[in-house]
Protein backbone atom coordinates (compact mmCIF):
# COMPACT_ATOMS: atom_id res chain seq x y z
CA MET A 1 -90.40 41.82 -10.97
CA ARG A 2 -88.56 39.54 -8.18
CA HIS A 3 -84.94 39.12 -7.12
CA PHE A 4 -83.40 35.33 -8.47
CA GLU A 5 -86.34 35.10 -10.83
CA HIS A 6 -83.57 34.21 -13.04
CA ILE A 7 -82.56 30.75 -11.55
CA ASP A 8 -84.28 27.58 -12.36
CA ALA A 9 -87.17 27.25 -9.75
CA ALA A 10 -86.19 23.98 -8.56
CA ARG A 11 -83.24 25.30 -7.40
CA ARG A 12 -84.52 28.52 -5.86
CA LYS A 13 -86.59 26.10 -3.92
CA HIS A 14 -83.68 24.03 -2.57
CA LEU A 15 -81.84 27.87 -2.00
CA PHE A 16 -84.66 29.70 0.22
CA TYR A 17 -86.15 29.13 3.66
CA ARG A 18 -88.66 32.14 2.90
CA HIS A 19 -88.60 33.28 -0.98
CA PRO A 20 -88.22 36.75 -2.34
CA ARG A 21 -91.69 38.81 -2.63
CA PRO A 22 -92.57 40.85 -5.93
CA PHE A 23 -92.14 44.14 -6.08
CA GLY A 24 -92.69 46.67 -8.75
CA ARG A 25 -92.00 50.56 -9.40
CA HIS A 26 -95.24 51.74 -7.63
CA ASP A 27 -94.01 50.24 -4.29
CA ASP A 28 -93.44 52.06 -1.20
CA PRO A 29 -90.10 54.08 -1.61
CA ALA A 30 -88.52 52.43 1.93
CA VAL A 31 -89.42 48.74 -0.25
CA LEU A 32 -88.12 49.64 -3.42
CA GLY A 33 -84.68 51.53 -1.87
CA VAL A 34 -83.67 47.98 -0.36
CA ALA A 35 -84.88 46.17 -3.79
CA LEU A 36 -82.41 48.05 -5.73
CA GLY A 37 -79.66 45.64 -4.78
CA ALA A 38 -76.64 46.13 -6.93
CA THR A 39 -77.47 49.04 -9.12
CA LEU A 40 -75.82 48.95 -12.49
CA TYR A 41 -74.56 51.84 -13.91
CA CYS A 42 -74.28 52.86 -17.47
CA PRO A 43 -72.97 55.57 -19.85
CA ALA A 44 -76.20 56.77 -22.11
CA THR A 45 -73.98 56.38 -25.09
CA ARG A 46 -74.28 52.47 -25.48
CA PRO A 47 -74.94 51.56 -28.66
CA ALA A 48 -77.37 48.98 -28.23
CA LEU A 49 -78.43 50.22 -24.55
CA ASP A 50 -82.12 49.18 -25.25
CA THR A 51 -80.28 45.43 -25.87
CA ASP A 52 -78.14 45.74 -23.09
CA ILE A 53 -81.04 46.82 -20.40
CA GLU A 54 -82.79 43.31 -21.70
CA ARG A 55 -79.82 41.26 -21.24
CA ALA A 56 -78.96 42.86 -18.03
CA LEU A 57 -82.22 42.04 -16.58
CA ARG A 58 -82.36 38.25 -17.76
CA ARG A 59 -79.00 38.50 -15.75
CA GLY A 60 -80.31 39.11 -12.36
CA VAL A 61 -79.91 43.08 -12.53
CA MET A 62 -83.02 45.03 -11.11
CA SER A 63 -81.86 48.38 -10.74
CA MET A 64 -79.99 50.35 -13.52
CA VAL A 65 -78.80 53.69 -13.88
CA VAL A 66 -78.59 55.21 -17.13
CA CYS A 67 -75.70 58.21 -16.85
CA LEU A 68 -76.02 61.88 -18.67
CA GLU A 69 -73.20 63.08 -16.35
CA ASP A 70 -69.65 61.75 -15.10
CA ALA A 71 -69.48 58.49 -17.46
CA ILE A 72 -69.83 60.52 -20.48
CA GLY A 73 -68.08 63.30 -21.77
CA ASP A 74 -69.07 66.92 -22.08
CA ASP A 75 -69.25 66.74 -25.43
CA GLU A 76 -71.27 63.73 -25.86
CA VAL A 77 -74.76 64.94 -24.07
CA ALA A 78 -76.36 65.64 -26.68
CA ALA A 79 -75.46 62.39 -28.03
CA GLY A 80 -76.05 60.96 -24.94
CA GLU A 81 -79.50 62.11 -24.71
CA ALA A 82 -80.92 61.00 -28.21
CA ASN A 83 -79.31 57.49 -27.58
CA LEU A 84 -81.43 57.19 -24.43
CA VAL A 85 -84.23 58.82 -25.74
CA ALA A 86 -84.21 55.70 -28.69
CA GLY A 87 -83.20 53.30 -26.52
CA PHE A 88 -86.42 53.75 -24.08
CA GLN A 89 -88.54 54.49 -26.98
CA ALA A 90 -87.49 51.13 -28.10
CA LEU A 91 -88.24 49.43 -24.95
CA HIS A 92 -91.65 50.68 -24.49
CA ALA A 93 -92.35 49.34 -28.13
CA ARG A 94 -91.64 46.26 -28.18
CA GLY A 95 -93.36 45.75 -24.77
CA ALA A 96 -89.72 44.55 -22.65
CA GLN A 97 -89.50 43.68 -19.24
CA VAL A 98 -87.12 46.03 -17.41
CA PRO A 99 -85.39 46.67 -14.63
CA LEU A 100 -86.11 49.76 -12.30
CA LEU A 101 -84.69 52.43 -14.55
CA PHE A 102 -82.84 55.86 -13.35
CA VAL A 103 -81.62 59.00 -15.76
CA ARG A 104 -78.50 60.35 -13.66
CA VAL A 105 -79.23 64.02 -15.10
CA ARG A 106 -76.51 67.13 -15.15
CA ASP A 107 -78.98 69.63 -14.72
CA PRO A 108 -82.37 70.14 -13.47
CA ARG A 109 -83.68 71.13 -16.99
CA GLN A 110 -82.77 67.86 -18.48
CA ILE A 111 -85.55 66.26 -16.33
CA GLY A 112 -88.33 67.72 -18.04
CA ASP A 113 -87.21 67.79 -21.20
CA LEU A 114 -86.19 63.95 -21.56
CA ALA A 115 -90.00 63.52 -19.98
CA ASP A 116 -91.02 65.31 -23.24
CA ARG A 117 -89.04 63.51 -25.23
CA LEU A 118 -89.72 60.37 -24.29
CA GLY A 119 -93.24 60.72 -24.46
CA ASP A 120 -95.33 57.34 -24.05
CA ALA A 121 -91.87 55.82 -23.00
CA ALA A 122 -91.44 57.98 -20.15
CA GLU A 123 -93.76 55.35 -17.93
CA LEU A 124 -90.22 53.03 -17.91
CA VAL A 125 -88.65 55.46 -15.97
CA THR A 126 -88.80 55.05 -12.11
CA GLY A 127 -86.96 58.21 -11.45
CA PHE A 128 -83.97 60.20 -11.73
CA VAL A 129 -80.31 60.32 -9.60
CA LEU A 130 -79.43 64.10 -8.50
CA PRO A 131 -75.64 64.59 -8.61
CA LYS A 132 -73.18 66.32 -6.42
CA PHE A 133 -76.27 66.72 -4.45
CA THR A 134 -76.15 69.70 -1.57
CA ALA A 135 -78.99 71.89 -0.20
CA ALA A 136 -78.20 75.16 -1.85
CA HIS A 137 -78.56 73.38 -5.35
CA GLY A 138 -80.48 70.27 -5.11
CA GLY A 139 -83.71 71.89 -4.28
CA ALA A 140 -83.78 72.75 -8.10
CA PHE A 141 -83.47 69.16 -9.22
CA LEU A 142 -86.37 67.97 -6.50
CA ASP A 143 -88.71 70.70 -7.89
CA ALA A 144 -88.21 69.81 -11.53
CA LEU A 145 -88.94 66.40 -10.59
CA ALA A 146 -92.30 67.44 -8.98
CA ASP A 147 -93.26 69.60 -11.88
CA THR A 148 -92.76 67.22 -14.17
CA ALA A 149 -94.45 64.71 -12.44
CA ALA A 150 -97.37 66.47 -11.40
CA ARG A 151 -97.35 67.59 -15.32
CA THR A 152 -97.14 64.19 -16.81
CA GLY A 153 -98.71 62.23 -14.31
CA LEU A 154 -95.84 60.08 -13.66
CA ARG A 155 -94.51 58.94 -10.20
CA LEU A 156 -91.33 60.04 -10.52
CA LEU A 157 -88.70 58.91 -7.59
CA ALA A 158 -85.34 60.81 -6.78
CA MET A 159 -81.99 59.51 -5.46
CA PRO A 160 -79.52 62.37 -5.05
CA VAL A 161 -75.74 61.54 -4.53
CA ILE A 162 -74.06 63.21 -1.86
CA GLU A 163 -70.41 63.97 -3.16
CA SER A 164 -69.52 67.47 -3.19
CA PRO A 165 -66.63 68.85 -1.71
CA ASP A 166 -69.25 70.50 0.97
CA ALA A 167 -70.05 67.00 1.98
CA VAL A 168 -66.19 65.73 2.19
CA TYR A 169 -64.23 68.77 3.85
CA ALA A 170 -64.72 68.63 7.53
CA GLU A 171 -65.37 71.63 8.58
CA SER A 172 -68.47 72.01 6.39
CA ARG A 173 -69.58 68.27 6.08
CA ALA A 174 -71.91 68.41 9.18
CA GLU A 175 -74.01 71.52 8.09
CA MET A 176 -74.32 70.65 4.87
CA LEU A 177 -75.85 67.31 6.06
CA HIS A 178 -78.15 68.76 8.15
CA ASP A 179 -79.07 70.94 5.79
CA VAL A 180 -79.45 68.19 3.28
CA ALA A 181 -81.73 66.01 5.74
CA ARG A 182 -84.18 69.37 6.04
CA LEU A 183 -84.53 69.64 2.62
CA LEU A 184 -84.76 65.78 2.07
CA ALA A 185 -87.77 65.60 4.52
CA LYS A 186 -89.82 67.95 2.27
CA HIS A 187 -89.87 65.65 -0.22
CA ARG A 188 -89.97 62.06 1.60
CA SER A 189 -92.10 60.88 -0.49
CA ARG A 190 -90.35 60.52 -3.67
CA ILE A 191 -86.63 59.64 -2.00
CA VAL A 192 -85.92 56.15 -2.95
CA ALA A 193 -82.20 56.42 -1.43
CA VAL A 194 -79.58 58.34 -0.84
CA ARG A 195 -76.08 57.17 -2.71
CA LEU A 196 -73.00 57.77 -1.71
CA GLY A 197 -70.06 59.03 -4.79
CA ALA A 198 -66.91 57.78 -3.59
CA ALA A 199 -64.68 58.24 -6.66
CA ASP A 200 -65.79 61.97 -6.28
CA MET A 201 -65.04 61.97 -2.49
CA SER A 202 -61.83 60.01 -3.10
CA ALA A 203 -60.91 62.98 -5.67
CA ALA A 204 -61.54 65.68 -3.21
CA TYR A 205 -58.18 64.60 -1.66
CA GLY A 206 -56.76 63.22 -4.77
CA LEU A 207 -57.19 59.58 -3.80
CA ARG A 208 -58.42 56.72 -5.60
CA ARG A 209 -58.96 53.40 -4.06
CA PRO A 210 -57.06 50.12 -5.20
CA PRO A 211 -58.52 47.14 -4.97
CA ASP A 212 -57.08 45.59 -1.92
CA LEU A 213 -58.37 48.08 -0.05
CA THR A 214 -62.18 48.53 0.73
CA ILE A 215 -63.19 52.19 0.76
CA TYR A 216 -63.13 51.58 4.68
CA ASP A 217 -59.72 51.60 4.45
CA ILE A 218 -59.42 55.32 3.24
CA ARG A 219 -59.82 56.88 6.09
CA PRO A 220 -60.88 60.48 4.77
CA VAL A 221 -63.66 58.74 2.68
CA ALA A 222 -64.95 56.38 5.89
CA GLY A 223 -65.35 59.15 7.70
CA VAL A 224 -67.66 61.07 5.61
CA VAL A 225 -69.41 57.34 5.06
CA CYS A 226 -70.20 57.66 9.09
CA ASP A 227 -71.41 60.70 8.73
CA VAL A 228 -73.64 60.30 6.20
CA VAL A 229 -75.11 57.35 7.65
CA ASN A 230 -75.14 59.20 10.94
CA ILE A 231 -77.43 62.07 10.05
CA LEU A 232 -78.98 60.97 6.64
CA GLY A 233 -79.27 56.96 7.61
CA ARG A 234 -80.63 57.13 11.24
CA ALA A 235 -83.22 54.04 12.17
CA ASP A 236 -85.22 56.78 13.98
CA GLY A 237 -88.26 57.40 11.27
CA THR A 238 -86.12 60.28 9.74
CA GLY A 239 -83.66 58.31 8.20
CA TYR A 240 -83.31 57.06 4.22
CA VAL A 241 -81.69 53.45 2.15
CA VAL A 242 -78.00 54.75 2.04
CA THR A 243 -76.66 52.77 -0.56
CA GLY A 244 -73.22 51.36 -0.46
CA PRO A 245 -70.70 53.36 -2.87
CA VAL A 246 -69.65 52.02 -6.26
CA TRP A 247 -67.04 48.98 -6.88
CA GLU A 248 -65.28 50.07 -9.72
CA TYR A 249 -62.65 47.31 -10.84
CA PHE A 250 -63.72 44.49 -13.02
CA SER A 251 -60.56 42.71 -14.33
CA GLN A 252 -57.37 40.68 -13.19
CA GLY A 253 -54.04 43.17 -11.86
CA GLU A 254 -51.11 42.63 -9.90
CA ARG A 255 -52.32 42.04 -6.57
CA MET A 256 -50.17 43.10 -3.46
CA PHE A 257 -52.04 41.38 -0.62
CA LYS A 258 -53.69 37.73 -0.37
CA PRO A 259 -56.87 37.03 -1.45
CA GLN A 260 -60.00 38.24 1.12
CA LEU A 261 -61.97 34.83 0.71
CA ARG A 262 -61.01 31.63 3.02
CA GLN A 263 -60.66 28.63 1.32
CA SER A 264 -63.18 26.45 3.69
CA PRO A 265 -66.68 27.63 2.60
CA PHE A 266 -65.91 27.35 -1.17
CA GLU A 267 -64.23 23.66 0.03
CA ARG A 268 -67.02 22.50 1.72
CA GLN A 269 -69.41 23.68 -1.80
CA ARG A 270 -67.14 21.84 -4.01
CA ALA A 271 -66.45 25.43 -5.52
CA ALA A 272 -62.87 26.59 -5.24
CA PRO A 273 -62.88 27.56 -9.18
CA LEU A 274 -65.52 29.96 -8.08
CA ARG A 275 -63.37 30.87 -5.43
CA GLN A 276 -60.45 31.58 -7.51
CA ARG A 277 -62.85 33.14 -10.74
CA LEU A 278 -63.78 35.69 -8.07
CA ILE A 279 -60.11 36.30 -6.77
CA THR A 280 -58.84 36.96 -10.31
CA SER A 281 -61.73 39.45 -11.18
CA ASP A 282 -60.66 41.46 -8.08
CA LEU A 283 -64.48 40.46 -7.12
CA ASP A 284 -63.11 39.15 -3.43
CA GLY A 285 -62.39 43.08 -2.44
CA LEU A 286 -65.90 43.63 -3.50
CA ILE A 287 -67.20 41.09 -1.29
CA ARG A 288 -65.76 41.74 1.82
CA GLU A 289 -66.31 45.64 1.04
CA VAL A 290 -70.01 44.78 0.98
CA HIS A 291 -70.01 42.90 4.19
CA LEU A 292 -68.71 45.85 5.56
CA ASP A 293 -71.28 48.21 3.92
CA LYS A 294 -73.83 46.13 5.55
CA ALA A 295 -72.37 46.31 9.38
CA ASN A 296 -71.74 50.18 8.93
CA GLY A 297 -75.19 50.48 7.67
CA LEU A 298 -75.48 50.70 4.03
CA THR A 299 -77.68 48.73 1.54
CA GLY A 300 -77.03 47.62 -1.57
CA LYS A 301 -74.27 49.13 -4.05
CA THR A 302 -73.59 50.82 -7.20
CA VAL A 303 -71.66 48.50 -9.68
CA ILE A 304 -70.15 49.37 -13.25
CA HIS A 305 -70.42 45.32 -14.50
CA PRO A 306 -73.15 42.98 -14.57
CA SER A 307 -70.00 40.07 -13.11
CA HIS A 308 -70.48 42.37 -9.51
CA VAL A 309 -74.37 41.88 -9.18
CA ALA A 310 -74.80 38.25 -8.43
CA ALA A 311 -71.85 39.26 -5.50
CA VAL A 312 -73.97 41.68 -4.08
CA HIS A 313 -77.38 40.33 -4.77
CA ALA A 314 -76.06 36.86 -2.58
CA LEU A 315 -75.02 38.41 0.27
CA SER A 316 -78.07 40.38 0.42
CA VAL A 317 -80.06 37.26 1.26
CA VAL A 318 -81.62 37.06 4.76
CA THR A 319 -79.46 33.98 6.46
CA HIS A 320 -81.55 31.46 8.15
CA GLU A 321 -79.57 32.52 11.54
CA GLU A 322 -80.30 36.05 11.22
CA TYR A 323 -84.19 35.50 10.58
CA CYS A 324 -84.64 33.41 13.32
CA ASP A 325 -83.28 36.00 16.05
CA ALA A 326 -85.06 38.62 14.23
CA ALA A 327 -87.81 36.95 14.63
CA ASP A 328 -87.38 36.26 17.97
CA ILE A 329 -86.42 39.60 18.82
CA LEU A 330 -89.92 40.91 17.03
CA GLY A 331 -92.26 38.31 18.87
CA VAL A 332 -91.15 39.92 22.28
CA ALA A 333 -92.90 42.80 23.52
CA GLY A 334 -91.94 44.78 26.79
CA GLY A 335 -88.05 44.28 26.27
CA GLY A 336 -85.74 41.81 28.01
CA ALA A 337 -82.90 39.45 26.70
CA MET A 338 -82.74 35.82 25.25
CA ALA A 339 -80.56 33.09 23.77
CA SER A 340 -80.82 32.98 20.31
CA SER A 341 -82.41 29.93 18.69
CA TYR A 342 -78.82 29.06 17.37
CA ALA A 343 -77.87 29.36 21.11
CA ASN A 344 -74.77 31.37 20.11
CA LYS A 345 -75.68 34.86 21.21
CA MET A 346 -78.01 37.01 23.54
CA ASN A 347 -80.64 38.93 21.73
CA GLU A 348 -81.91 42.01 23.35
CA ALA A 349 -85.49 42.96 22.46
CA LYS A 350 -85.23 46.90 22.82
CA PRO A 351 -81.51 47.32 21.33
CA HIS A 352 -82.04 44.73 18.52
CA ARG A 353 -85.69 45.57 17.68
CA ALA A 354 -84.31 48.38 15.21
CA TRP A 355 -82.04 45.77 13.40
CA ALA A 356 -84.84 43.58 13.12
CA GLN A 357 -87.21 45.35 11.42
CA ARG A 358 -85.16 46.67 9.05
CA LEU A 359 -83.42 43.06 8.32
CA MET A 360 -87.06 41.56 7.84
CA LEU A 361 -87.79 44.18 5.05
CA ARG A 362 -84.45 42.66 3.16
CA ALA A 363 -86.30 39.13 4.16
CA ARG A 364 -88.88 40.41 1.79
CA VAL A 365 -87.71 41.55 -1.18
CA PHE A 366 -84.46 39.08 -1.22
CA GLY A 367 -85.57 35.99 1.14
CA VAL A 368 -84.16 34.04 3.75
CA ALA A 369 -81.53 31.06 2.95
CA ALA A 370 -82.65 27.60 3.49
CA GLU A 371 -81.01 26.10 6.89
CA GLY A 372 -77.45 25.61 5.97
CA VAL A 373 -77.27 27.49 2.62
CA THR A 374 -74.07 29.88 2.63
CA PHE A 375 -73.25 32.70 0.41
CA VAL A 376 -71.50 30.38 -1.82
CA GLU A 377 -74.13 28.21 -3.08
CA LEU A 378 -76.21 31.38 -3.32
CA LEU A 379 -73.38 33.31 -5.83
CA GLU A 380 -72.97 29.75 -7.27
CA ALA A 381 -76.75 29.71 -8.35
CA ALA A 382 -77.01 33.51 -9.17
CA ASP A 383 -73.71 34.01 -11.22
CA VAL A 384 -75.64 33.73 -14.44
CA ARG A 385 -72.92 34.13 -17.51
C-alpha cells in the first residue's frame, strides 16, 4: 500500500518532489508506526463492517482500529466479536485490499480467541490495541499476543494505549511510565506505536476538550502528553512512535472563537470554499492540533471520521524546505552550522540530526512536496468524498 495512491497519477506527479514509497504490514515496526498516519477507529458492531473497511481504503485510510472496548457497550461485546469475525472473513474470502487492521480488545484472552475464530482471515490482522496499558496489567496482553503469534505463525504487533489514572495523576505518573518503558523494551520488536487516550485522560479530571481548543490548551492533559513523550518518545534509540490523541468532532457547532485557519494560503490557491468547509466541520481545530502534535514529537493521529484523514495526511507530507534542511544536515560529518538552502534559518548538524533522521523516515512513507506546493493543494487533492 502507498499513501495518496487514491489521487490521480498525473496530479500526484505535480504535487510531489519525492513520491511516497510503498509499505506493507510486514515492514519494520518503526516504519509502520510512522506510516499509520490518521488511524480511523470504528466500533466492531458496525452493520456493514467489511464494506466500510474497503470504502475507507479508497478514501486514503491506511490504518484502522476495529474497537471492542470503549466504542461499544458492555452488553454488545459478544455481538461485536461475531460481527468482526464475519466481516474479516468476508473480506478475506473475496481477497479484498484492506488498510493495516488492528483490533482493540478488552481482555487478553480475546486475542487468542479471536485469532482462532477468524481462521485464515486472521492474516488480515496487523495487530492489537491494548487499552488502559500499565506495567501491572500490560504484561498479560503482551504475553497473550506473543503466545498467539507463536501458535499461529502470524506476525502480530501491539499498540499500547496510555490512558489509565496511574498515567494521569502526578504522584504516580513518572514511576508508572518508567515501568511501562521497561516492559515495552522486552517486547520492542512487537511495538508499532504508543497511543494516547486523551478522552480517558480528560475523564480523570471530569473534563472534555471543546472543538475551539486543542489538547495542549487542556493543561492537566497536556502535562501527561509531555511526560509520555519525555519517557516513551525519546530519540536516543529507546523511544517509540507516539501518536496524536483522538480528534472527536466532525459536525458544525456553535463557535466561541475565531477560525484558526488564515485566509491567505487558501486565497492564493483559490480554495476559499475548502477553507469554509473545514471551518464549518470544525476541522480548523484539528489542523491546528496536528501542527502542535508534530511540534511536540507526536506522529499521526487517532480519528473517528473519514473526513479527518485527508487533513492529517496532508500535514504529514514533508515540505520541500524541510527536506532540503534535513538533507543538508545529514550530509555533514563532524558537526558545524550552515545557512539553510532557503536562506531563512541556521541548520546545526549535531543538534538537528535526530530531527532530520525522523523527518526522512516520514518523507519515506508520506513523500516530499514539490517546491511551492502547499498544504492547501495537498489537502484539496486528498480530500476524496
